[in-house]
Amino acid sequence: MIEKDRVVLYLTIAALACAVLFPLVTGLNVYYLTVLIIMVIFIIFASAWNFLTYSGQGSLGHAAFFGIGGYISTLIAVKSGLTPYLTIFIGGAVAAVVGLFIGIICVRMKEWFLAMVTFGFAVIIQVLVASQFSSVTGGWDGVAAPPLISNTVPNYLVYEYYSILLIAVVVILLFRTILNSKIGLAFSAIRENELEARAAGIDPVRYKLLAFMVSAYFAGLAGALEIHYLGYVTPEIFGVDISFWPIIYSISGGLGTLAGPIIGTIVITLLWDGLQSLGLTYGRFIIIGVILVLVVIFLPRGLISLPEEIKKRAPKWRGRFNKLLQK
């Protein structure tokens, strides 16, 4: 166990070093920086969605919190003139309050009933933002969002990338701290057997609400970061695809692990953009879908379990290979 922890520590340090040095090695290429920034933002979003699963809950509509964070941060920044580096946290806080409201209504539901409610809520909030609140939100035309850093600042994209990377690191460390605490143990107990957890004196409702609020907060924070990076926000941010990306990243990387959403986001994003650069605009949907199916079937614990699976199956493969040579 100590050796494994040491390996994880070394890999984490190596990954952070790569993240810090990559923009410098590539000569501050704008395209690479854009991909990196979006990737890091979705690492935060996928990690927020994945955090919810630790308490045995699921969501098919996390785009609702992602979009609420983006809209609230934008509107406050536009009206007040505050820097987006402050309003992104306000956006996350409002998303958390909405998450609490949804949680209070639905937290006693089973996993996928709750997931369907969140999906429906994302659809409802999209319609409301596009129609009923169009005088404030700009309807389908959207609202221009102040940038995190003015484009008049030399190498502003670099500063944006490193600031978002710093936020992502803090978020991951916070999740790790929570999950290694008594709260994390309560989440695990509720996920494994809610009745036994209740018998042990754990209040499932209270802990599920906490998980929902934390998840919604950081989903909102991620949404605010993306909107201020892109420079505009429209109701499309509540789209079904936005809700499903964190699920794809988490499942492909490794559901219920801290590293899973990170690995899944990096691998899928690189594949997605790599296939697009090869001219596969629609074909990449099929390829990514096939990869996801294969991962679910052959690596149910996600890509994070690939080294362990190879180590486990290597003797069997070696034996078969030797038999073939003997023939």
C-alpha atoms as a PDB file:
ATOM      1  CA  MET A   1       0.000   0.000   0.000  1.00  0.00           C
ATOM      2  CA  ILE A   2       2.844   2.377   0.868  1.00  0.00           C
ATOM      3  CA  GLU A   3       4.555   1.574  -2.429  1.00  0.00           C
ATOM      4  CA  LYS A   4       1.304   2.197  -4.324  1.00  0.00           C
ATOM      5  CA  ASP A   5       0.795   5.532  -2.553  1.00  0.00           C
ATOM      6  CA  ARG A   6       4.336   6.514  -3.482  1.00  0.00           C
ATOM      7  CA  VAL A   7       3.718   5.662  -7.148  1.00  0.00           C
ATOM      8  CA  VAL A   8       0.502   7.711  -7.114  1.00  0.00           C
ATOM      9  CA  LEU A   9       2.387  10.646  -5.574  1.00  0.00           C
ATOM     10  CA  TYR A  10       5.136  10.479  -8.218  1.00  0.00           C
ATOM     11  CA  LEU A  11       2.597  10.235 -11.043  1.00  0.00           C
ATOM     12  CA  THR A  12       0.687  13.206  -9.634  1.00  0.00           C
ATOM     13  CA  ILE A  13       3.842  15.309  -9.455  1.00  0.00           C
ATOM     14  CA  ALA A  14       4.759  14.284 -13.000  1.00  0.00           C
ATOM     15  CA  ALA A  15       1.276  15.163 -14.288  1.00  0.00           C
ATOM     16  CA  LEU A  16       1.395  18.585 -12.629  1.00  0.00           C
ATOM     17  CA  ALA A  17       4.864  19.226 -14.040  1.00  0.00           C
ATOM     18  CA  CYS A  18       3.599  18.355 -17.534  1.00  0.00           C
ATOM     19  CA  ALA A  19       0.585  20.627 -17.092  1.00  0.00           C
ATOM     20  CA  VAL A  20       2.794  23.518 -16.011  1.00  0.00           C
ATOM     21  CA  LEU A  21       5.516  23.052 -18.644  1.00  0.00           C
ATOM     22  CA  PHE A  22       3.424  22.054 -21.682  1.00  0.00           C
ATOM     23  CA  PRO A  23       2.418  25.608 -22.722  1.00  0.00           C
ATOM     24  CA  LEU A  24       6.055  26.698 -22.510  1.00  0.00           C
ATOM     25  CA  VAL A  25       7.342  23.689 -24.452  1.00  0.00           C
ATOM     26  CA  THR A  26       4.802  24.246 -27.252  1.00  0.00           C
ATOM     27  CA  GLY A  27       5.785  27.887 -27.605  1.00  0.00           C
ATOM     28  CA  LEU A  28       2.539  29.275 -26.142  1.00  0.00           C
ATOM     29  CA  ASN A  29       0.580  28.010 -29.159  1.00  0.00           C
ATOM     30  CA  VAL A  30      -2.938  29.506 -29.067  1.00  0.00           C
ATOM     31  CA  TYR A  31      -4.663  26.325 -30.277  1.00  0.00           C
ATOM     32  CA  TYR A  32      -2.940  24.139 -27.684  1.00  0.00           C
ATOM     33  CA  LEU A  33      -3.695  26.663 -24.942  1.00  0.00           C
ATOM     34  CA  THR A  34      -7.362  26.700 -25.949  1.00  0.00           C
ATOM     35  CA  VAL A  35      -7.572  22.897 -25.787  1.00  0.00           C
ATOM     36  CA  LEU A  36      -5.778  22.865 -22.433  1.00  0.00           C
ATOM     37  CA  ILE A  37      -8.018  25.509 -20.890  1.00  0.00           C
ATOM     38  CA  ILE A  38     -11.239  23.760 -21.954  1.00  0.00           C
ATOM     39  CA  MET A  39      -9.771  20.438 -20.785  1.00  0.00           C
ATOM     40  CA  VAL A  40      -8.926  21.761 -17.313  1.00  0.00           C
ATOM     41  CA  ILE A  41     -12.358  23.374 -16.954  1.00  0.00           C
ATOM     42  CA  PHE A  42     -14.050  20.082 -17.801  1.00  0.00           C
ATOM     43  CA  ILE A  43     -11.782  18.262 -15.363  1.00  0.00           C
ATOM     44  CA  ILE A  44     -13.346  20.454 -12.664  1.00  0.00           C
ATOM     45  CA  PHE A  45     -16.845  19.799 -14.057  1.00  0.00           C
ATOM     46  CA  ALA A  46     -16.358  16.030 -14.377  1.00  0.00           C
ATOM     47  CA  SER A  47     -14.819  15.844 -10.893  1.00  0.00           C
ATOM     48  CA  ALA A  48     -17.816  17.743  -9.490  1.00  0.00           C
ATOM     49  CA  TRP A  49     -20.230  15.300 -11.132  1.00  0.00           C
ATOM     50  CA  ASN A  50     -18.152  12.336  -9.968  1.00  0.00           C
ATOM     51  CA  PHE A  51     -18.140  13.675  -6.395  1.00  0.00           C
ATOM     52  CA  LEU A  52     -21.918  13.262  -6.322  1.00  0.00           C
ATOM     53  CA  THR A  53     -21.612   9.529  -7.055  1.00  0.00           C
ATOM     54  CA  TYR A  54     -19.615   8.968  -3.864  1.00  0.00           C
ATOM     55  CA  SER A  55     -22.862   9.417  -1.941  1.00  0.00           C
ATOM     56  CA  GLY A  56     -24.734   6.987  -4.178  1.00  0.00           C
ATOM     57  CA  GLN A  57     -26.490   9.687  -6.221  1.00  0.00           C
ATOM     58  CA  GLY A  58     -26.575  10.323  -9.959  1.00  0.00           C
ATOM     59  CA  SER A  59     -27.388  13.258 -12.214  1.00  0.00           C
ATOM     60  CA  LEU A  60     -28.320  13.495 -15.879  1.00  0.00           C
ATOM     61  CA  GLY A  61     -28.774  17.255 -15.799  1.00  0.00           C
ATOM     62  CA  HIS A  62     -25.644  18.765 -14.307  1.00  0.00           C
ATOM     63  CA  ALA A  63     -25.621  21.246 -17.193  1.00  0.00           C
ATOM     64  CA  ALA A  64     -28.274  23.090 -15.161  1.00  0.00           C
ATOM     65  CA  PHE A  65     -25.730  23.983 -12.457  1.00  0.00           C
ATOM     66  CA  PHE A  66     -22.967  24.488 -15.034  1.00  0.00           C
ATOM     67  CA  GLY A  67     -25.163  27.016 -16.858  1.00  0.00           C
ATOM     68  CA  ILE A  68     -26.515  28.731 -13.751  1.00  0.00           C
ATOM     69  CA  GLY A  69     -22.965  29.387 -12.596  1.00  0.00           C
ATOM     70  CA  GLY A  70     -22.085  30.818 -16.003  1.00  0.00           C
ATOM     71  CA  TYR A  71     -25.131  33.069 -16.254  1.00  0.00           C
ATOM     72  CA  ILE A  72     -25.044  34.388 -12.682  1.00  0.00           C
ATOM     73  CA  SER A  73     -21.325  35.140 -12.835  1.00  0.00           C
ATOM     74  CA  THR A  74     -21.724  36.910 -16.179  1.00  0.00           C
ATOM     75  CA  LEU A  75     -24.727  39.013 -15.177  1.00  0.00           C
ATOM     76  CA  ILE A  76     -23.138  40.092 -11.893  1.00  0.00           C
ATOM     77  CA  ALA A  77     -19.841  40.933 -13.598  1.00  0.00           C
ATOM     78  CA  VAL A  78     -21.648  42.965 -16.288  1.00  0.00           C
ATOM     79  CA  LYS A  79     -23.915  44.859 -13.865  1.00  0.00           C
ATOM     80  CA  SER A  80     -21.423  45.453 -11.046  1.00  0.00           C
ATOM     81  CA  GLY A  81     -18.128  45.687 -12.882  1.00  0.00           C
ATOM     82  CA  LEU A  82     -16.542  43.180 -10.479  1.00  0.00           C
ATOM     83  CA  THR A  83     -13.717  41.034 -11.781  1.00  0.00           C
ATOM     84  CA  PRO A  84     -14.816  37.591 -13.001  1.00  0.00           C
ATOM     85  CA  TYR A  85     -12.290  36.090 -10.577  1.00  0.00           C
ATOM     86  CA  LEU A  86     -14.754  37.099  -7.843  1.00  0.00           C
ATOM     87  CA  THR A  87     -18.055  36.533  -9.637  1.00  0.00           C
ATOM     88  CA  ILE A  88     -17.213  32.925 -10.598  1.00  0.00           C
ATOM     89  CA  PHE A  89     -17.439  32.000  -6.920  1.00  0.00           C
ATOM     90  CA  ILE A  90     -20.771  33.824  -6.599  1.00  0.00           C
ATOM     91  CA  GLY A  91     -22.019  31.880  -9.610  1.00  0.00           C
ATOM     92  CA  GLY A  92     -20.956  28.661  -7.934  1.00  0.00           C
ATOM     93  CA  ALA A  93     -22.708  29.678  -4.711  1.00  0.00           C
ATOM     94  CA  VAL A  94     -26.011  30.342  -6.494  1.00  0.00           C
ATOM     95  CA  ALA A  95     -25.702  26.976  -8.263  1.00  0.00           C
ATOM     96  CA  ALA A  96     -25.182  25.365  -4.838  1.00  0.00           C
ATOM     97  CA  VAL A  97     -28.331  27.029  -3.462  1.00  0.00           C
ATOM     98  CA  VAL A  98     -30.321  25.753  -6.448  1.00  0.00           C
ATOM     99  CA  GLY A  99     -28.737  22.339  -5.884  1.00  0.00           C
ATOM    100  CA  LEU A 100     -29.905  22.453  -2.262  1.00  0.00           C
ATOM    101  CA  PHE A 101     -33.442  23.281  -3.415  1.00  0.00           C
ATOM    102  CA  ILE A 102     -33.486  20.368  -5.881  1.00  0.00           C
ATOM    103  CA  GLY A 103     -31.912  18.109  -3.268  1.00  0.00           C
ATOM    104  CA  ILE A 104     -34.498  18.908  -0.603  1.00  0.00           C
ATOM    105  CA  ILE A 105     -37.268  17.946  -3.025  1.00  0.00           C
ATOM    106  CA  CYS A 106     -35.657  14.856  -4.517  1.00  0.00           C
ATOM    107  CA  VAL A 107     -32.908  13.571  -2.222  1.00  0.00           C
ATOM    108  CA  ARG A 108     -35.054  10.686  -0.939  1.00  0.00           C
ATOM    109  CA  MET A 109     -35.465   9.335  -4.458  1.00  0.00           C
ATOM    110  CA  LYS A 110     -33.447   6.394  -5.730  1.00  0.00           C
ATOM    111  CA  GLU A 111     -30.384   7.099  -7.874  1.00  0.00           C
ATOM    112  CA  TRP A 112     -31.849   7.107 -11.372  1.00  0.00           C
ATOM    113  CA  PHE A 113     -35.160   8.680 -10.386  1.00  0.00           C
ATOM    114  CA  LEU A 114     -33.113  11.575  -9.045  1.00  0.00           C
ATOM    115  CA  ALA A 115     -31.063  11.546 -12.245  1.00  0.00           C
ATOM    116  CA  MET A 116     -34.209  11.916 -14.357  1.00  0.00           C
ATOM    117  CA  VAL A 117     -35.418  14.809 -12.203  1.00  0.00           C
ATOM    118  CA  THR A 118     -32.121  16.647 -12.737  1.00  0.00           C
ATOM    119  CA  PHE A 119     -32.388  15.973 -16.473  1.00  0.00           C
ATOM    120  CA  GLY A 120     -35.876  17.465 -16.533  1.00  0.00           C
ATOM    121  CA  PHE A 121     -34.724  20.448 -14.476  1.00  0.00           C
ATOM    122  CA  ALA A 122     -31.945  21.211 -17.005  1.00  0.00           C
ATOM    123  CA  VAL A 123     -34.511  21.230 -19.818  1.00  0.00           C
ATOM    124  CA  ILE A 124     -36.880  23.477 -17.840  1.00  0.00           C
ATOM    125  CA  ILE A 125     -34.184  25.979 -16.880  1.00  0.00           C
ATOM    126  CA  GLN A 126     -33.024  26.186 -20.509  1.00  0.00           C
ATOM    127  CA  VAL A 127     -36.543  27.079 -21.676  1.00  0.00           C
ATOM    128  CA  LEU A 128     -36.996  29.637 -18.885  1.00  0.00           C
ATOM    129  CA  VAL A 129     -33.673  31.327 -19.597  1.00  0.00           C
ATOM    130  CA  ALA A 130     -34.379  31.450 -23.334  1.00  0.00           C
ATOM    131  CA  SER A 131     -37.955  32.736 -23.024  1.00  0.00           C
ATOM    132  CA  GLN A 132     -39.322  33.955 -19.673  1.00  0.00           C
ATOM    133  CA  PHE A 133     -36.108  35.662 -18.560  1.00  0.00           C
ATOM    134  CA  SER A 134     -34.972  36.752 -22.037  1.00  0.00           C
ATOM    135  CA  SER A 135     -35.077  40.427 -21.085  1.00  0.00           C
ATOM    136  CA  VAL A 136     -32.227  39.738 -18.669  1.00  0.00           C
ATOM    137  CA  THR A 137     -30.476  36.803 -20.325  1.00  0.00           C
ATOM    138  CA  GLY A 138     -30.730  37.967 -23.941  1.00  0.00           C
ATOM    139  CA  GLY A 139     -32.740  34.906 -24.959  1.00  0.00           C
ATOM    140  CA  TRP A 140     -31.121  32.651 -27.544  1.00  0.00           C
ATOM    141  CA  ASP A 141     -28.796  35.505 -28.551  1.00  0.00           C
ATOM    142  CA  GLY A 142     -27.163  35.321 -25.134  1.00  0.00           C
ATOM    143  CA  VAL A 143     -25.025  37.825 -23.243  1.00  0.00           C
ATOM    144  CA  ALA A 144     -21.432  38.908 -23.736  1.00  0.00           C
ATOM    145  CA  ALA A 145     -19.300  37.860 -20.763  1.00  0.00           C
ATOM    146  CA  PRO A 146     -16.305  39.856 -19.514  1.00  0.00           C
ATOM    147  CA  PRO A 147     -13.055  37.903 -20.011  1.00  0.00           C
ATOM    148  CA  LEU A 148     -11.107  36.568 -17.066  1.00  0.00           C
ATOM    149  CA  ILE A 149      -8.158  38.646 -18.233  1.00  0.00           C
ATOM    150  CA  SER A 150      -8.364  41.403 -20.851  1.00  0.00           C
ATOM    151  CA  ASN A 151      -7.017  40.399 -24.267  1.00  0.00           C
ATOM    152  CA  THR A 152      -5.016  43.618 -24.249  1.00  0.00           C
ATOM    153  CA  VAL A 153      -2.692  41.997 -21.705  1.00  0.00           C
ATOM    154  CA  PRO A 154       0.284  40.321 -23.434  1.00  0.00           C
ATOM    155  CA  ASN A 155       0.023  36.497 -23.282  1.00  0.00           C
ATOM    156  CA  TYR A 156      -3.318  36.775 -21.476  1.00  0.00           C
ATOM    157  CA  LEU A 157      -4.223  33.199 -22.433  1.00  0.00           C
ATOM    158  CA  VAL A 158      -1.199  31.916 -20.523  1.00  0.00           C
ATOM    159  CA  TYR A 159      -2.272  33.715 -17.364  1.00  0.00           C
ATOM    160  CA  GLU A 160      -5.818  32.424 -17.780  1.00  0.00           C
ATOM    161  CA  TYR A 161      -4.565  28.868 -18.207  1.00  0.00           C
ATOM    162  CA  TYR A 162      -2.363  28.915 -15.114  1.00  0.00           C
ATOM    163  CA  SER A 163      -5.065  30.547 -12.972  1.00  0.00           C
ATOM    164  CA  ILE A 164      -7.650  27.949 -14.067  1.00  0.00           C
ATOM    165  CA  LEU A 165      -5.103  25.172 -13.517  1.00  0.00           C
ATOM    166  CA  LEU A 166      -4.488  26.469  -9.981  1.00  0.00           C
ATOM    167  CA  ILE A 167      -8.232  26.469  -9.274  1.00  0.00           C
ATOM    168  CA  ALA A 168      -8.499  22.892 -10.610  1.00  0.00           C
ATOM    169  CA  VAL A 169      -5.664  21.700  -8.359  1.00  0.00           C
ATOM    170  CA  VAL A 170      -7.280  23.317  -5.309  1.00  0.00           C
ATOM    171  CA  VAL A 171     -10.649  21.749  -6.175  1.00  0.00           C
ATOM    172  CA  ILE A 172      -9.142  18.252  -6.545  1.00  0.00           C
ATOM    173  CA  LEU A 173      -7.254  18.617  -3.267  1.00  0.00           C
ATOM    174  CA  LEU A 174     -10.447  19.777  -1.549  1.00  0.00           C
ATOM    175  CA  PHE A 175     -12.339  16.754  -2.872  1.00  0.00           C
ATOM    176  CA  ARG A 176      -9.526  14.494  -1.670  1.00  0.00           C
ATOM    177  CA  THR A 177      -9.620  16.071   1.792  1.00  0.00           C
ATOM    178  CA  ILE A 178     -13.398  15.688   2.066  1.00  0.00           C
ATOM    179  CA  LEU A 179     -13.396  12.079   0.861  1.00  0.00           C
ATOM    180  CA  ASN A 180     -10.605  11.120   3.274  1.00  0.00           C
ATOM    181  CA  SER A 181     -12.511  12.621   6.210  1.00  0.00           C
ATOM    182  CA  LYS A 182     -15.450  11.322   8.252  1.00  0.00           C
ATOM    183  CA  ILE A 183     -17.723  12.859   5.630  1.00  0.00           C
ATOM    184  CA  GLY A 184     -16.171  10.623   2.976  1.00  0.00           C
ATOM    185  CA  LEU A 185     -16.678   7.577   5.187  1.00  0.00           C
ATOM    186  CA  ALA A 186     -20.334   8.553   5.640  1.00  0.00           C
ATOM    187  CA  PHE A 187     -20.700   8.885   1.850  1.00  0.00           C
ATOM    188  CA  SER A 188     -19.246   5.387   1.382  1.00  0.00           C
ATOM    189  CA  ALA A 189     -21.557   3.901   4.020  1.00  0.00           C
ATOM    190  CA  ILE A 190     -24.613   5.491   2.396  1.00  0.00           C
ATOM    191  CA  ARG A 191     -23.541   4.363  -1.073  1.00  0.00           C
ATOM    192  CA  GLU A 192     -22.983   0.762   0.007  1.00  0.00           C
ATOM    193  CA  ASN A 193     -26.073   0.318   2.181  1.00  0.00           C
ATOM    194  CA  GLU A 194     -28.270   3.231   3.181  1.00  0.00           C
ATOM    195  CA  LEU A 195     -30.268   1.227   5.730  1.00  0.00           C
ATOM    196  CA  GLU A 196     -27.146   0.057   7.564  1.00  0.00           C
ATOM    197  CA  ALA A 197     -25.740   3.590   7.450  1.00  0.00           C
ATOM    198  CA  ARG A 198     -28.910   4.890   9.064  1.00  0.00           C
ATOM    199  CA  ALA A 199     -28.698   2.157  11.711  1.00  0.00           C
ATOM    200  CA  ALA A 200     -25.137   3.266  12.460  1.00  0.00           C
ATOM    201  CA  GLY A 201     -26.345   6.776  13.248  1.00  0.00           C
ATOM    202  CA  ILE A 202     -25.607   8.403   9.877  1.00  0.00           C
ATOM    203  CA  ASP A 203     -28.293  10.702   8.489  1.00  0.00           C
ATOM    204  CA  PRO A 204     -28.405   9.890   4.739  1.00  0.00           C
ATOM    205  CA  VAL A 205     -30.521  12.934   3.863  1.00  0.00           C
ATOM    206  CA  ARG A 206     -28.104  15.404   5.438  1.00  0.00           C
ATOM    207  CA  TYR A 207     -25.037  13.888   3.786  1.00  0.00           C
ATOM    208  CA  LYS A 208     -26.733  13.518   0.414  1.00  0.00           C
ATOM    209  CA  LEU A 209     -27.745  17.180   0.522  1.00  0.00           C
ATOM    210  CA  LEU A 210     -24.155  18.117   1.363  1.00  0.00           C
ATOM    211  CA  ALA A 211     -22.836  16.069  -1.579  1.00  0.00           C
ATOM    212  CA  PHE A 212     -25.408  17.631  -3.906  1.00  0.00           C
ATOM    213  CA  MET A 213     -24.543  21.173  -2.813  1.00  0.00           C
ATOM    214  CA  VAL A 214     -20.776  20.653  -3.132  1.00  0.00           C
ATOM    215  CA  SER A 215     -21.188  19.034  -6.538  1.00  0.00           C
ATOM    216  CA  ALA A 216     -23.508  21.800  -7.773  1.00  0.00           C
ATOM    217  CA  TYR A 217     -21.171  24.508  -6.450  1.00  0.00           C
ATOM    218  CA  PHE A 218     -18.144  23.303  -8.369  1.00  0.00           C
ATOM    219  CA  ALA A 219     -20.203  22.526 -11.472  1.00  0.00           C
ATOM    220  CA  GLY A 220     -21.338  26.163 -11.354  1.00  0.00           C
ATOM    221  CA  LEU A 221     -17.774  27.324 -10.828  1.00  0.00           C
ATOM    222  CA  ALA A 222     -16.653  25.333 -13.877  1.00  0.00           C
ATOM    223  CA  GLY A 223     -19.484  26.804 -15.949  1.00  0.00           C
ATOM    224  CA  ALA A 224     -18.540  30.334 -14.925  1.00  0.00           C
ATOM    225  CA  LEU A 225     -14.900  29.713 -15.837  1.00  0.00           C
ATOM    226  CA  GLU A 226     -15.834  28.426 -19.285  1.00  0.00           C
ATOM    227  CA  ILE A 227     -18.195  31.305 -20.041  1.00  0.00           C
ATOM    228  CA  HIS A 228     -15.708  33.985 -19.039  1.00  0.00           C
ATOM    229  CA  TYR A 229     -13.076  32.222 -21.116  1.00  0.00           C
ATOM    230  CA  LEU A 230     -15.343  31.966 -24.197  1.00  0.00           C
ATOM    231  CA  GLY A 231     -16.645  35.510 -23.788  1.00  0.00           C
ATOM    232  CA  TYR A 232     -20.374  34.877 -24.170  1.00  0.00           C
ATOM    233  CA  VAL A 233     -23.188  32.739 -22.757  1.00  0.00           C
ATOM    234  CA  THR A 234     -26.345  31.401 -24.447  1.00  0.00           C
ATOM    235  CA  PRO A 235     -29.025  28.892 -23.351  1.00  0.00           C
ATOM    236  CA  GLU A 236     -27.084  26.235 -25.279  1.00  0.00           C
ATOM    237  CA  ILE A 237     -24.978  25.862 -22.141  1.00  0.00           C
ATOM    238  CA  PHE A 238     -27.896  23.881 -20.661  1.00  0.00           C
ATOM    239  CA  GLY A 239     -27.822  21.411 -23.564  1.00  0.00           C
ATOM    240  CA  VAL A 240     -28.013  17.640 -23.141  1.00  0.00           C
ATOM    241  CA  ASP A 241     -24.466  17.232 -24.470  1.00  0.00           C
ATOM    242  CA  ILE A 242     -23.093  19.412 -21.674  1.00  0.00           C
ATOM    243  CA  SER A 243     -24.787  17.155 -19.110  1.00  0.00           C
ATOM    244  CA  PHE A 244     -23.433  13.987 -20.689  1.00  0.00           C
ATOM    245  CA  TRP A 245     -19.773  14.970 -21.126  1.00  0.00           C
ATOM    246  CA  PRO A 246     -18.869  14.722 -17.408  1.00  0.00           C
ATOM    247  CA  ILE A 247     -20.606  11.329 -17.286  1.00  0.00           C
ATOM    248  CA  ILE A 248     -18.586  10.100 -20.276  1.00  0.00           C
ATOM    249  CA  TYR A 249     -15.337  11.432 -18.819  1.00  0.00           C
ATOM    250  CA  SER A 250     -15.952   9.913 -15.390  1.00  0.00           C
ATOM    251  CA  ILE A 251     -17.088   6.486 -16.578  1.00  0.00           C
ATOM    252  CA  SER A 252     -14.325   6.160 -19.168  1.00  0.00           C
ATOM    253  CA  GLY A 253     -11.652   7.268 -16.694  1.00  0.00           C
ATOM    254  CA  GLY A 254     -12.918   5.462 -13.625  1.00  0.00           C
ATOM    255  CA  LEU A 255     -16.136   6.146 -11.760  1.00  0.00           C
ATOM    256  CA  GLY A 256     -15.795   6.806  -8.047  1.00  0.00           C
ATOM    257  CA  THR A 257     -12.073   7.642  -8.141  1.00  0.00           C
ATOM    258  CA  LEU A 258     -10.365  11.019  -7.899  1.00  0.00           C
ATOM    259  CA  ALA A 259      -8.087  10.357 -10.862  1.00  0.00           C
ATOM    260  CA  GLY A 260     -10.806   8.831 -13.052  1.00  0.00           C
ATOM    261  CA  PRO A 261     -12.449  12.070 -14.266  1.00  0.00           C
ATOM    262  CA  ILE A 262      -9.015  13.606 -14.860  1.00  0.00           C
ATOM    263  CA  ILE A 263      -7.760  10.679 -16.952  1.00  0.00           C
ATOM    264  CA  GLY A 264     -11.084  10.350 -18.776  1.00  0.00           C
ATOM    265  CA  THR A 265     -11.225  14.063 -19.633  1.00  0.00           C
ATOM    266  CA  ILE A 266      -7.644  14.117 -20.922  1.00  0.00           C
ATOM    267  CA  VAL A 267      -7.935  10.935 -23.032  1.00  0.00           C
ATOM    268  CA  ILE A 268     -11.372  11.682 -24.520  1.00  0.00           C
ATOM    269  CA  THR A 269     -10.521  15.342 -25.206  1.00  0.00           C
ATOM    270  CA  LEU A 270      -7.281  14.453 -26.976  1.00  0.00           C
ATOM    271  CA  LEU A 271      -9.096  11.805 -29.034  1.00  0.00           C
ATOM    272  CA  TRP A 272     -11.952  14.186 -29.812  1.00  0.00           C
ATOM    273  CA  ASP A 273      -9.701  17.000 -31.047  1.00  0.00           C
ATOM    274  CA  GLY A 274      -7.268  14.609 -32.711  1.00  0.00           C
ATOM    275  CA  LEU A 275     -10.054  12.979 -34.737  1.00  0.00           C
ATOM    276  CA  GLN A 276     -11.389  16.403 -35.707  1.00  0.00           C
ATOM    277  CA  SER A 277      -7.950  17.421 -36.972  1.00  0.00           C
ATOM    278  CA  LEU A 278      -8.070  14.313 -39.180  1.00  0.00           C
ATOM    279  CA  GLY A 279     -11.309  15.559 -40.728  1.00  0.00           C
ATOM    280  CA  LEU A 280     -13.626  13.179 -38.864  1.00  0.00           C
ATOM    281  CA  THR A 281     -16.352  15.647 -37.923  1.00  0.00           C
ATOM    282  CA  TYR A 282     -19.204  13.167 -37.454  1.00  0.00           C
ATOM    283  CA  GLY A 283     -17.178   9.963 -37.499  1.00  0.00           C
ATOM    284  CA  ARG A 284     -15.598  10.917 -34.172  1.00  0.00           C
ATOM    285  CA  PHE A 285     -18.992  10.525 -32.469  1.00  0.00           C
ATOM    286  CA  ILE A 286     -19.059   6.894 -33.579  1.00  0.00           C
ATOM    287  CA  ILE A 287     -15.435   6.258 -32.591  1.00  0.00           C
ATOM    288  CA  ILE A 288     -15.851   7.815 -29.141  1.00  0.00           C
ATOM    289  CA  GLY A 289     -19.077   5.837 -28.676  1.00  0.00           C
ATOM    290  CA  VAL A 290     -17.361   2.565 -29.598  1.00  0.00           C
ATOM    291  CA  ILE A 291     -14.480   3.324 -27.223  1.00  0.00           C
ATOM    292  CA  LEU A 292     -16.905   4.054 -24.399  1.00  0.00           C
ATOM    293  CA  VAL A 293     -18.752   0.764 -25.007  1.00  0.00           C
ATOM    294  CA  LEU A 294     -15.469  -1.176 -25.036  1.00  0.00           C
ATOM    295  CA  VAL A 295     -14.321   0.500 -21.814  1.00  0.00           C
ATOM    296  CA  VAL A 296     -17.612  -0.314 -20.075  1.00  0.00           C
ATOM    297  CA  ILE A 297     -17.445  -3.968 -21.202  1.00  0.00           C
ATOM    298  CA  PHE A 298     -13.752  -4.747 -20.779  1.00  0.00           C
ATOM    299  CA  LEU A 299     -12.677  -2.104 -18.232  1.00  0.00           C
ATOM    300  CA  PRO A 300     -15.735  -1.535 -16.010  1.00  0.00           C
ATOM    301  CA  ARG A 301     -13.524   0.296 -13.490  1.00  0.00           C
ATOM    302  CA  GLY A 302     -12.346   2.657 -16.238  1.00  0.00           C
ATOM    303  CA  LEU A 303      -9.027   3.451 -17.873  1.00  0.00           C
ATOM    304  CA  ILE A 304      -7.456   3.973 -14.473  1.00  0.00           C
ATOM    305  CA  SER A 305      -7.588   0.193 -13.966  1.00  0.00           C
ATOM    306  CA  LEU A 306      -5.790  -0.565 -17.259  1.00  0.00           C
ATOM    307  CA  PRO A 307      -2.279  -1.064 -15.751  1.00  0.00           C
ATOM    308  CA  GLU A 308      -3.710  -3.374 -13.075  1.00  0.00           C
ATOM    309  CA  GLU A 309      -5.668  -5.370 -15.661  1.00  0.00           C
ATOM    310  CA  ILE A 310      -2.595  -5.747 -17.869  1.00  0.00           C
ATOM    311  CA  LYS A 311      -0.519  -6.915 -14.900  1.00  0.00           C
ATOM    312  CA  LYS A 312      -3.247  -9.392 -13.918  1.00  0.00           C
ATOM    313  CA  ARG A 313      -3.677 -10.847 -17.394  1.00  0.00           C
ATOM    314  CA  ALA A 314      -0.032 -10.720 -18.524  1.00  0.00           C
ATOM    315  CA  PRO A 315       0.833 -14.263 -17.272  1.00  0.00           C
ATOM    316  CA  LYS A 316      -2.163 -15.710 -19.126  1.00  0.00           C
ATOM    317  CA  TRP A 317      -1.229 -13.887 -22.328  1.00  0.00           C
ATOM    318  CA  ARG A 318       2.400 -14.951 -21.935  1.00  0.00           C
ATOM    319  CA  GLY A 319       1.317 -18.593 -21.509  1.00  0.00           C
ATOM    320  CA  ARG A 320      -0.815 -18.485 -24.648  1.00  0.00           C
ATOM    321  CA  PHE A 321       1.996 -16.836 -26.589  1.00  0.00           C
ATOM    322  CA  ASN A 322       4.467 -19.528 -25.486  1.00  0.00           C
ATOM    323  CA  LYS A 323       2.032 -22.268 -26.540  1.00  0.00           C
ATOM    324  CA  LEU A 324       1.767 -20.687 -29.976  1.00  0.00           C
ATOM    325  CA  LEU A 325       5.570 -20.619 -30.277  1.00  0.00           C
ATOM    326  CA  GLN A 326       5.805 -24.301 -29.281  1.00  0.00           C
ATOM    327  CA  LYS A 327       3.400 -25.250 -32.047  1.00  0.00           C
END
